[in-house]
């Protein structure tokens, strides 16, 4: 156990440092997410015009991504609380 505990502490400190650093880029990541989802919808529309046909699975994944990004934009604290309660039970 003595060889594994320091690695856990190092990972926790690294994650905390990374989250503090990336927090200032949160708005840029959200804008990038919205732009990439827009690109996905554009590609779906272009595929239909080129007779490739949009796949049902691709459309469902795209709409799932829209739901997740909207939830992260509208309810960030509630999602963080939900994840903390359900992922890190001791």
Protein backbone atom coordinates (compact mmCIF):
# COMPACT_ATOMS: atom_id res chain seq x y z
CA UNK A 1 0.00 0.00 0.00
CA UNK A 2 2.93 2.32 0.65
CA UNK A 3 3.89 2.26 -3.00
CA UNK A 4 0.37 3.04 -4.30
CA UNK A 5 -0.81 5.81 -1.95
CA UNK A 6 1.70 8.43 -3.16
CA UNK A 7 0.57 7.85 -6.74
CA UNK A 8 -3.05 8.49 -5.74
CA UNK A 9 -2.09 11.73 -4.01
CA UNK A 10 -0.03 12.81 -7.01
CA UNK A 11 -2.96 12.11 -9.34
CA UNK A 12 -5.32 14.10 -7.10
CA UNK A 13 -2.96 17.06 -6.94
CA UNK A 14 -2.42 16.95 -10.70
CA UNK A 15 -6.16 16.82 -11.37
CA UNK A 16 -6.80 19.73 -9.02
CA UNK A 17 -4.07 21.77 -10.67
CA UNK A 18 -5.33 20.97 -14.16
CA UNK A 19 -8.90 21.91 -13.25
CA UNK A 20 -7.75 25.21 -11.76
CA UNK A 21 -5.76 25.95 -14.91
CA UNK A 22 -8.51 24.91 -17.35
CA UNK A 23 -11.23 26.83 -15.49
CA UNK A 24 -10.19 30.07 -17.16
CA UNK A 25 -10.73 28.46 -20.58
CA UNK A 26 -14.24 27.16 -19.78
CA UNK A 27 -16.04 29.74 -21.92
CA UNK A 28 -13.75 29.03 -24.88
CA UNK A 29 -14.41 25.29 -24.57
CA UNK A 30 -18.16 25.89 -24.55
CA UNK A 31 -17.96 28.13 -27.63
CA UNK A 32 -15.80 25.51 -29.36
CA UNK A 33 -18.33 22.81 -28.44
CA UNK A 34 -21.22 24.78 -29.92
CA UNK A 35 -19.21 25.52 -33.07
CA UNK A 36 -18.27 21.86 -33.53
CA UNK A 37 -21.87 20.75 -33.04
CA UNK A 38 -22.89 23.29 -35.68
CA UNK A 39 -20.26 21.77 -37.98
CA UNK A 40 -21.73 18.33 -37.28
CA UNK A 41 -25.21 19.49 -38.30
CA UNK A 42 -23.79 21.09 -41.43
CA UNK A 43 -22.04 17.84 -42.35
CA UNK A 44 -25.25 15.87 -41.77
CA UNK A 45 -27.15 18.22 -44.09
CA UNK A 46 -24.40 18.07 -46.72
CA UNK A 47 -24.39 14.26 -46.58
CA UNK A 48 -28.12 14.21 -47.34
CA UNK A 49 -27.66 16.57 -50.30
CA UNK A 50 -24.86 14.41 -51.72
CA UNK A 51 -27.05 11.28 -51.64
CA UNK A 52 -24.89 9.69 -48.96
CA UNK A 53 -27.77 9.72 -46.54
CA UNK A 54 -27.45 10.57 -42.91
CA UNK A 55 -27.17 7.61 -40.62
CA UNK A 56 -29.68 7.27 -37.84
CA UNK A 57 -26.96 6.47 -35.29
CA UNK A 58 -24.99 9.55 -36.29
CA UNK A 59 -28.05 11.74 -35.88
CA UNK A 60 -28.81 10.27 -32.46
CA UNK A 61 -25.22 10.82 -31.31
CA UNK A 62 -25.31 14.39 -32.58
CA UNK A 63 -28.55 15.14 -30.72
CA UNK A 64 -27.12 13.47 -27.59
CA UNK A 65 -24.10 15.77 -27.83
CA UNK A 66 -26.46 18.75 -28.16
CA UNK A 67 -28.30 17.69 -25.01
CA UNK A 68 -25.08 17.23 -23.03
CA UNK A 69 -23.60 20.57 -24.13
CA UNK A 70 -26.84 22.41 -23.38
CA UNK A 71 -27.03 20.77 -19.96
CA UNK A 72 -23.43 21.80 -19.23
CA UNK A 73 -24.16 25.38 -20.31
CA UNK A 74 -27.45 25.72 -18.42
CA UNK A 75 -26.87 23.59 -15.29
CA UNK A 76 -23.12 23.30 -14.52
CA UNK A 77 -23.43 23.24 -10.71
CA UNK A 78 -26.24 20.69 -10.66
CA UNK A 79 -24.31 18.34 -12.95
CA UNK A 80 -21.15 18.73 -10.88
CA UNK A 81 -23.11 17.94 -7.71
CA UNK A 82 -24.75 14.93 -9.35
CA UNK A 83 -21.41 13.55 -10.53
CA UNK A 84 -19.79 14.15 -7.15
CA UNK A 85 -22.62 12.35 -5.35
CA UNK A 86 -22.78 9.34 -7.67
CA UNK A 87 -19.18 8.80 -8.75
CA UNK A 88 -17.24 9.36 -5.53
CA UNK A 89 -19.08 7.42 -2.88
CA UNK A 90 -16.93 5.98 -0.16
